[in-house]
Structures are given as structure tokens and as C-alpha cells.
C-alpha atoms as a PDB file:
ATOM      1  CA  MET A   1       1.404 -33.347   9.580  1.00  0.00           C
ATOM      2  CA  ASN A   2      -1.506 -35.609   9.970  1.00  0.00           C
ATOM      3  CA  ILE A   3      -2.894 -35.811   6.305  1.00  0.00           C
ATOM      4  CA  ALA A   4      -5.686 -37.947   7.449  1.00  0.00           C
ATOM      5  CA  THR A   5      -7.558 -35.260   9.481  1.00  0.00           C
ATOM      6  CA  ILE A   6     -10.569 -33.928   7.939  1.00  0.00           C
ATOM      7  CA  VAL A   7     -12.631 -30.916   9.097  1.00  0.00           C
ATOM      8  CA  GLU A   8     -15.673 -29.740   7.509  1.00  0.00           C
ATOM      9  CA  SER A   9     -17.406 -26.267   7.678  1.00  0.00           C
ATOM     10  CA  ARG A  10     -19.718 -24.362   5.368  1.00  0.00           C
ATOM     11  CA  THR A  11     -18.932 -20.829   4.377  1.00  0.00           C
ATOM     12  CA  MET A  12     -21.191 -18.073   5.700  1.00  0.00           C
ATOM     13  CA  PRO A  13     -24.099 -17.034   3.414  1.00  0.00           C
ATOM     14  CA  ASP A  14     -23.226 -13.382   3.430  1.00  0.00           C
ATOM     15  CA  VAL A  15     -19.568 -13.782   2.199  1.00  0.00           C
ATOM     16  CA  GLN A  16     -19.044 -11.930  -1.130  1.00  0.00           C
ATOM     17  CA  SER A  17     -16.038 -11.563  -3.398  1.00  0.00           C
ATOM     18  CA  GLY A  18     -15.406  -9.094  -6.239  1.00  0.00           C
ATOM     19  CA  GLY A  19     -15.868  -9.720  -9.847  1.00  0.00           C
ATOM     20  CA  GLY A  20     -19.225 -11.393 -10.285  1.00  0.00           C
ATOM     21  CA  GLY A  21     -20.245 -12.517  -6.897  1.00  0.00           C
ATOM     22  CA  ALA A  22     -19.296 -15.346  -4.785  1.00  0.00           C
ATOM     23  CA  ILE A  23     -19.753 -18.980  -5.335  1.00  0.00           C
ATOM     24  CA  PRO A  24     -22.853 -20.113  -3.159  1.00  0.00           C
ATOM     25  CA  ALA A  25     -21.901 -20.905   0.328  1.00  0.00           C
ATOM     26  CA  SER A  26     -23.810 -23.981   0.232  1.00  0.00           C
ATOM     27  CA  SER A  27     -21.537 -25.260  -2.548  1.00  0.00           C
ATOM     28  CA  LEU A  28     -18.364 -25.032  -0.614  1.00  0.00           C
ATOM     29  CA  HIS A  29     -16.864 -27.518   1.944  1.00  0.00           C
ATOM     30  CA  PHE A  30     -13.877 -26.580   4.044  1.00  0.00           C
ATOM     31  CA  ARG A  31     -11.174 -29.396   4.593  1.00  0.00           C
ATOM     32  CA  THR A  32      -7.916 -29.704   6.225  1.00  0.00           C
ATOM     33  CA  GLY A  33      -5.194 -32.256   5.461  1.00  0.00           C
ATOM     34  CA  ARG A  34      -5.909 -32.552   1.654  1.00  0.00           C
ATOM     35  CA  ILE A  35      -2.264 -31.855   0.879  1.00  0.00           C
ATOM     36  CA  ASN A  36      -2.146 -33.511  -2.639  1.00  0.00           C
ATOM     37  CA  GLU A  37      -5.183 -31.626  -4.109  1.00  0.00           C
ATOM     38  CA  ALA A  38      -3.929 -28.359  -2.442  1.00  0.00           C
ATOM     39  CA  SER A  39      -0.456 -28.919  -3.839  1.00  0.00           C
ATOM     40  CA  GLN A  40      -1.809 -29.298  -7.301  1.00  0.00           C
ATOM     41  CA  MET A  41      -3.586 -25.950  -6.957  1.00  0.00           C
ATOM     42  CA  VAL A  42      -0.279 -24.388  -6.021  1.00  0.00           C
ATOM     43  CA  LEU A  43       1.568 -25.976  -9.058  1.00  0.00           C
ATOM     44  CA  THR A  44      -1.220 -24.855 -11.470  1.00  0.00           C
ATOM     45  CA  HIS A  45      -2.500 -21.588 -10.178  1.00  0.00           C
ATOM     46  CA  HIS A  46       0.059 -19.949  -7.871  1.00  0.00           C
ATOM     47  CA  TYR A  47       2.568 -17.633  -9.465  1.00  0.00           C
ATOM     48  CA  SER A  48       5.565 -19.434  -7.750  1.00  0.00           C
ATOM     49  CA  HIS A  49       4.393 -22.880  -8.957  1.00  0.00           C
ATOM     50  CA  ARG A  50       6.254 -24.264  -5.941  1.00  0.00           C
ATOM     51  CA  VAL A  51       4.853 -26.092  -2.826  1.00  0.00           C
ATOM     52  CA  PRO A  52       6.117 -24.747   0.373  1.00  0.00           C
ATOM     53  CA  GLY A  53       8.180 -26.994   2.826  1.00  0.00           C
ATOM     54  CA  SER A  54       7.653 -27.425   6.482  1.00  0.00           C
ATOM     55  CA  VAL A  55       3.957 -27.473   6.290  1.00  0.00           C
ATOM     56  CA  VAL A  56       1.950 -27.508   9.590  1.00  0.00           C
ATOM     57  CA  LEU A  57      -1.605 -27.139   8.108  1.00  0.00           C
ATOM     58  CA  VAL A  58      -3.236 -27.144   4.728  1.00  0.00           C
ATOM     59  CA  GLY A  59      -6.847 -25.799   4.561  1.00  0.00           C
ATOM     60  CA  SER A  60      -8.769 -26.013   1.414  1.00  0.00           C
ATOM     61  CA  LEU A  61     -12.297 -25.248  -0.185  1.00  0.00           C
ATOM     62  CA  HIS A  62     -14.062 -27.903  -2.305  1.00  0.00           C
ATOM     63  CA  LEU A  63     -17.224 -27.705  -4.460  1.00  0.00           C
ATOM     64  CA  ASP A  64     -20.098 -30.263  -3.839  1.00  0.00           C
ATOM     65  CA  GLY A  65     -19.180 -33.727  -4.956  1.00  0.00           C
ATOM     66  CA  GLY A  66     -22.683 -35.190  -5.555  1.00  0.00           C
ATOM     67  CA  LEU A  67     -26.079 -35.957  -4.055  1.00  0.00           C
ATOM     68  CA  PHE A  68     -24.723 -37.384  -0.668  1.00  0.00           C
ATOM     69  CA  GLY A  69     -22.936 -34.114   0.379  1.00  0.00           C
ATOM     70  CA  GLY A  70     -19.422 -35.096  -0.395  1.00  0.00           C
ATOM     71  CA  ASP A  71     -16.834 -32.944  -1.591  1.00  0.00           C
ATOM     72  CA  GLY A  72     -15.660 -32.505  -5.133  1.00  0.00           C
ATOM     73  CA  GLU A  73     -12.955 -30.271  -6.925  1.00  0.00           C
ATOM     74  CA  CYS A  74     -10.589 -28.299  -4.939  1.00  0.00           C
ATOM     75  CA  VAL A  75     -11.039 -24.428  -5.806  1.00  0.00           C
ATOM     76  CA  ALA A  76      -8.882 -22.755  -3.081  1.00  0.00           C
ATOM     77  CA  ALA A  77      -6.104 -23.703  -0.635  1.00  0.00           C
ATOM     78  CA  ALA A  78      -3.870 -22.099   2.022  1.00  0.00           C
ATOM     79  CA  PHE A  79      -0.709 -23.438   3.384  1.00  0.00           C
ATOM     80  CA  PHE A  80       0.717 -22.663   6.808  1.00  0.00           C
ATOM     81  CA  SER A  81       4.307 -23.500   7.441  1.00  0.00           C
ATOM     82  CA  LEU A  82       7.173 -23.102   9.775  1.00  0.00           C
ATOM     83  CA  PRO A  83       8.770 -19.940   8.272  1.00  0.00           C
ATOM     84  CA  PRO A  84      11.981 -20.165   6.382  1.00  0.00           C
ATOM     85  CA  THR A  85      13.065 -16.844   7.977  1.00  0.00           C
ATOM     86  CA  ARG A  86      14.339 -17.121  11.565  1.00  0.00           C
ATOM     87  CA  TRP A  87      12.290 -15.285  14.000  1.00  0.00           C
ATOM     88  CA  SER A  88      13.221 -14.710  17.662  1.00  0.00           C
ATOM     89  CA  GLU A  89       9.767 -16.125  18.568  1.00  0.00           C
ATOM     90  CA  ASP A  90       7.853 -19.114  17.415  1.00  0.00           C
ATOM     91  CA  VAL A  91       5.499 -18.085  14.677  1.00  0.00           C
ATOM     92  CA  LEU A  92       3.568 -19.835  11.801  1.00  0.00           C
ATOM     93  CA  GLU A  93       3.582 -18.402   8.357  1.00  0.00           C
ATOM     94  CA  LEU A  94       0.783 -18.355   5.705  1.00  0.00           C
ATOM     95  CA  THR A  95       3.109 -19.504   2.842  1.00  0.00           C
ATOM     96  CA  ARG A  96       0.663 -20.080   0.057  1.00  0.00           C
ATOM     97  CA  LEU A  97      -2.783 -18.679  -0.660  1.00  0.00           C
ATOM     98  CA  VAL A  98      -4.346 -19.723  -4.024  1.00  0.00           C
ATOM     99  CA  ARG A  99      -7.662 -20.242  -5.781  1.00  0.00           C
ATOM    100  CA  ALA A 100      -8.841 -21.410  -9.205  1.00  0.00           C
ATOM    101  CA  ASP A 101     -11.848 -19.180  -9.395  1.00  0.00           C
ATOM    102  CA  ASP A 102     -11.863 -15.335  -8.449  1.00  0.00           C
ATOM    103  CA  ARG A 103     -15.369 -15.983  -6.933  1.00  0.00           C
ATOM    104  CA  VAL A 104     -14.105 -18.158  -4.097  1.00  0.00           C
ATOM    105  CA  PRO A 105     -14.131 -16.062  -0.863  1.00  0.00           C
ATOM    106  CA  LEU A 106     -10.371 -16.163   0.349  1.00  0.00           C
ATOM    107  CA  SER A 107     -11.154 -14.307   3.417  1.00  0.00           C
ATOM    108  CA  MET A 108     -13.535 -17.025   4.528  1.00  0.00           C
ATOM    109  CA  LEU A 109     -10.794 -19.679   3.745  1.00  0.00           C
ATOM    110  CA  ILE A 110      -8.354 -17.753   5.825  1.00  0.00           C
ATOM    111  CA  SER A 111     -10.933 -17.509   8.782  1.00  0.00           C
ATOM    112  CA  LEU A 112     -11.616 -21.261   8.747  1.00  0.00           C
ATOM    113  CA  CYS A 113      -7.978 -22.065   8.724  1.00  0.00           C
ATOM    114  CA  VAL A 114      -7.447 -19.681  11.571  1.00  0.00           C
ATOM    115  CA  LYS A 115     -10.002 -21.437  13.703  1.00  0.00           C
ATOM    116  CA  ALA A 116      -8.362 -24.865  12.966  1.00  0.00           C
ATOM    117  CA  LEU A 117      -4.891 -23.385  13.906  1.00  0.00           C
ATOM    118  CA  ARG A 118      -6.394 -21.895  17.196  1.00  0.00           C
ATOM    119  CA  LYS A 119      -7.567 -25.446  18.215  1.00  0.00           C
ATOM    120  CA  GLN A 120      -4.041 -26.736  17.533  1.00  0.00           C
ATOM    121  CA  LYS A 121      -2.911 -23.993  20.197  1.00  0.00           C
ATOM    122  CA  HIS A 122      -0.792 -21.838  17.701  1.00  0.00           C
ATOM    123  CA  ASP A 123      -0.706 -18.410  18.875  1.00  0.00           C
ATOM    124  CA  LEU A 124       0.838 -16.055  16.200  1.00  0.00           C
ATOM    125  CA  LEU A 125       0.401 -15.989  12.552  1.00  0.00           C
ATOM    126  CA  VAL A 126       2.463 -13.930   9.916  1.00  0.00           C
ATOM    127  CA  SER A 127       2.147 -13.520   6.196  1.00  0.00           C
ATOM    128  CA  PHE A 128       3.816 -11.491   3.379  1.00  0.00           C
ATOM    129  CA  ALA A 129       2.261  -9.830   0.455  1.00  0.00           C
ATOM    130  CA  ASP A 130       4.908  -9.573  -2.309  1.00  0.00           C
ATOM    131  CA  ARG A 131       4.936  -6.211  -4.021  1.00  0.00           C
ATOM    132  CA  THR A 132       6.954  -7.635  -7.002  1.00  0.00           C
ATOM    133  CA  GLN A 133       3.554  -9.588  -7.877  1.00  0.00           C
ATOM    134  CA  GLY A 134       1.537  -6.493  -7.329  1.00  0.00           C
ATOM    135  CA  HIS A 135       0.143  -7.657  -4.010  1.00  0.00           C
ATOM    136  CA  GLU A 136      -0.947  -5.334  -1.176  1.00  0.00           C
ATOM    137  CA  GLY A 137      -2.418  -7.617   1.095  1.00  0.00           C
ATOM    138  CA  PHE A 138      -6.109  -6.520   0.760  1.00  0.00           C
ATOM    139  CA  VAL A 139      -7.350 -10.079   1.699  1.00  0.00           C
ATOM    140  CA  TYR A 140      -5.449  -9.905   5.057  1.00  0.00           C
ATOM    141  CA  ARG A 141      -7.082  -6.459   5.809  1.00  0.00           C
ATOM    142  CA  ALA A 142     -10.376  -7.909   4.970  1.00  0.00           C
ATOM    143  CA  SER A 143      -9.601 -10.759   7.335  1.00  0.00           C
ATOM    144  CA  ASN A 144      -8.779  -8.377  10.180  1.00  0.00           C
ATOM    145  CA  TRP A 145      -5.109  -9.106  10.213  1.00  0.00           C
ATOM    146  CA  ASN A 146      -2.637  -6.307  11.474  1.00  0.00           C
ATOM    147  CA  TYR A 147      -0.237  -4.521   9.152  1.00  0.00           C
ATOM    148  CA  ALA A 148       3.337  -4.304  10.552  1.00  0.00           C
ATOM    149  CA  ARG A 149       5.395  -2.802   7.802  1.00  0.00           C
ATOM    150  CA  CYS A 150       6.914  -3.033   4.440  1.00  0.00           C
ATOM    151  CA  ASN A 151      10.152  -4.697   4.309  1.00  0.00           C
ATOM    152  CA  ASP A 152      13.018  -3.369   2.153  1.00  0.00           C
ATOM    153  CA  ARG A 153      13.930  -4.840  -1.178  1.00  0.00           C
ATOM    154  CA  SER A 154      15.916  -8.075  -0.743  1.00  0.00           C
ATOM    155  CA  ASN A 155      17.789 -10.566  -2.913  1.00  0.00           C
ATOM    156  CA  ASP A 156      15.127 -13.329  -3.474  1.00  0.00           C
ATOM    157  CA  GLY A 157      17.066 -15.533  -6.024  1.00  0.00           C
ATOM    158  CA  VAL A 158      18.848 -15.576  -9.224  1.00  0.00           C
ATOM    159  CA  VAL A 159      18.170 -14.975 -12.956  1.00  0.00           C
ATOM    160  CA  VAL A 160      19.779 -17.676 -15.012  1.00  0.00           C
ATOM    161  CA  ASN A 161      19.580 -17.383 -18.706  1.00  0.00           C
ATOM    162  CA  GLY A 162      16.785 -14.901 -18.310  1.00  0.00           C
ATOM    163  CA  ARG A 163      14.673 -17.157 -16.063  1.00  0.00           C
ATOM    164  CA  PHE A 164      14.136 -16.300 -12.440  1.00  0.00           C
ATOM    165  CA  VAL A 165      15.057 -19.093  -9.909  1.00  0.00           C
ATOM    166  CA  PRO A 166      13.981 -18.499  -6.311  1.00  0.00           C
ATOM    167  CA  GLY A 167      16.806 -18.779  -3.780  1.00  0.00           C
ATOM    168  CA  ARG A 168      15.623 -22.002  -2.165  1.00  0.00           C
ATOM    169  CA  SER A 169      15.057 -23.523  -5.589  1.00  0.00           C
ATOM    170  CA  ALA A 170      18.498 -22.484  -6.680  1.00  0.00           C
ATOM    171  CA  VAL A 171      20.066 -24.237  -3.619  1.00  0.00           C
ATOM    172  CA  GLY A 172      18.040 -27.356  -4.299  1.00  0.00           C
ATOM    173  CA  LYS A 173      18.941 -27.382  -7.957  1.00  0.00           C
ATOM    174  CA  TYR A 174      22.473 -26.077  -8.025  1.00  0.00           C
ATOM    175  CA  GLY A 175      23.643 -26.569  -4.519  1.00  0.00           C
ATOM    176  CA  THR A 176      24.066 -22.700  -4.074  1.00  0.00           C
ATOM    177  CA  ARG A 177      22.323 -19.388  -4.675  1.00  0.00           C
ATOM    178  CA  SER A 178      25.503 -17.453  -4.875  1.00  0.00           C
ATOM    179  CA  VAL A 179      25.884 -15.558  -8.174  1.00  0.00           C
ATOM    180  CA  ASP A 180      29.672 -15.767  -8.044  1.00  0.00           C
ATOM    181  CA  LYS A 181      29.581 -19.482  -7.498  1.00  0.00           C
ATOM    182  CA  LEU A 182      27.032 -20.231 -10.186  1.00  0.00           C
ATOM    183  CA  ARG A 183      29.008 -18.121 -12.821  1.00  0.00           C
ATOM    184  CA  LYS A 184      32.097 -20.183 -11.967  1.00  0.00           C
ATOM    185  CA  MET A 185      30.063 -23.491 -12.276  1.00  0.00           C
ATOM    186  CA  PHE A 186      28.387 -22.413 -15.527  1.00  0.00           C
ATOM    187  CA  PRO A 187      30.738 -19.927 -17.311  1.00  0.00           C
ATOM    188  CA  HIS A 188      28.598 -19.918 -20.448  1.00  0.00           C
ATOM    189  CA  PHE A 189      25.382 -19.071 -18.599  1.00  0.00           C
ATOM    190  CA  SER A 190      24.043 -15.646 -17.852  1.00  0.00           C
ATOM    191  CA  VAL A 191      23.669 -15.318 -13.974  1.00  0.00           C
ATOM    192  CA  GLU A 192      22.418 -12.261 -12.383  1.00  0.00           C
ATOM    193  CA  PRO A 193      20.926 -11.438  -8.868  1.00  0.00           C
ATOM    194  CA  HIS A 194      17.265 -10.900  -8.610  1.00  0.00           C
ATOM    195  CA  TYR A 195      15.729  -8.444  -6.065  1.00  0.00           C
ATOM    196  CA  ASP A 196      12.056  -8.269  -5.117  1.00  0.00           C
ATOM    197  CA  GLU A 197      10.168  -4.920  -4.590  1.00  0.00           C
ATOM    198  CA  GLY A 198       9.732  -5.433  -0.921  1.00  0.00           C
ATOM    199  CA  LYS A 199       6.975  -7.357   0.909  1.00  0.00           C
ATOM    200  CA  HIS A 200       4.153  -6.101   3.217  1.00  0.00           C
ATOM    201  CA  LEU A 201       4.281  -7.972   6.494  1.00  0.00           C
ATOM    202  CA  TYR A 202       0.837  -8.797   8.136  1.00  0.00           C
ATOM    203  CA  TRP A 203       0.326 -10.521  11.471  1.00  0.00           C
ATOM    204  CA  LEU A 204      -2.665 -11.942  13.541  1.00  0.00           C
ATOM    205  CA  PRO A 205      -2.382 -12.913  17.245  1.00  0.00           C
ATOM    206  CA  LEU A 206      -4.540 -15.888  18.342  1.00  0.00           C
ATOM    207  CA  GLY A 207      -4.757 -14.910  21.919  1.00  0.00           C
ATOM    208  CA  LYS A 208      -2.925 -13.114  24.772  1.00  0.00           C
ATOM    209  CA  ARG A 209       0.199 -15.014  24.258  1.00  0.00           C
ATOM    210  CA  GLY A 210       0.240 -14.195  20.503  1.00  0.00           C
ATOM    211  CA  MET A 211      -0.127 -10.513  21.310  1.00  0.00           C
ATOM    212  CA  GLU A 212       2.679 -10.640  23.718  1.00  0.00           C
ATOM    213  CA  LYS A 213       4.908 -12.347  21.173  1.00  0.00           C
ATOM    214  CA  ALA A 214       3.851  -9.645  18.602  1.00  0.00           C
ATOM    215  CA  THR A 215       4.848  -6.861  21.052  1.00  0.00           C
ATOM    216  CA  ARG A 216       8.340  -8.497  21.700  1.00  0.00           C
ATOM    217  CA  LEU A 217       8.853  -8.745  17.852  1.00  0.00           C
ATOM    218  CA  GLY A 218       8.136  -4.995  17.533  1.00  0.00           C
ATOM    219  CA  PHE A 219       4.946  -5.429  15.479  1.00  0.00           C
END
């Protein structure tokens, strides 16, 4: 990923978000490549508190930074990554979507990221809304993404001494996500499997080729 790339765009004046109106469009700048600031947004405001891997593009919204039109504080970010789940077709996954203020229009952030990804010749995007966190994917619907299905409950990690550890984090920290192996490694720990509540799958084709991929994937 080329972290030096910067793209600017202003949000549209008629975009509104719930709960008190939107931050004025003239006060928001869109950037790509600001991975350090976007990562801090995830660590601070996202429920996972974990930055995704295999990042292909980071898009972020920033407040005005001064009299000369520069950008200031990062108030929202979106990460697009090569998916950890194997697909039979090449897709790109929206792996993190986070904001520091409910007045920031996430649908516009997604739209601006999609434009940047289209320029990079990506053709099919997917994203999951985690029911465990109470997410239904309304922002994807507002952004004209297509709904595919709700996946069944799955084992997404382990609970060690009452604390949830995501599967990939468990592998990185302990070398395994296997409950049996962890119990043998830490006989005095309480180790239990953790299951999510299922995830809603959304998808967005960026052209004819993406639509053909979606058809082959059964979306």
C-alpha cells in the first residue's frame, strides 16, 4: 500500500446522518493513505480495538485544519483489505468502518472510498455486519450495497478467563485458537469457545466484471 497517496474530496452538502444532523460538508476532507491516524481511530473507537491486516486502501474523513484549507483531526475511517476468508473469486473486503462522532456521514465516506477503489480497478467489494454487535448493515443499504444473506453462527474465537479473544488474535498471542490445545497449555485457565450470532453479508459490484463474479459466487 502506498501510504503517501493523498486524495481530497468534499462531502456533498445534502448528506445527513441521524442524531442531531451532520457535520457541515464544508468542514470535511476525504483522504486516502492516512493509515496511522485511521489505525488510531480503530484502536480508540472500534469495538474490536484491532487494526486489520492485508490492507489495500484506507479512506478517512478529516475536519478542517486551519485557515489555509488543510485537514485536521481524523473523525472517521474505512479499511479495505484482502479478506481473511477464502473466496473462489478475488474480492476486497471492507474490514473496518469507524467514526469518532455520530454526525459524520459514513455512507459518504464509503461512497468516496468506492470511487477510489474503482480507479484502482477493483471490481467486487464485500462486507459483513456483525449481529453479535447489534449491527444490521443499515449504512450499506443507505450506500446502495446489495444484501446477500445472513451467515450461520460460527466460532470466532475463544474466551480466556472470561475475556473474549478473537481467533486471529489468539493465534498471534498463543500460537493456536484450539480450545483443547489452550487448555493443555494453560491448565489453570478457564478456556471456552466463543460463537458469534451470525453475520449479514453485503456486496457491491464495481462494474460488469464484478457483477459476473457476484453471480458465480451465488450472491
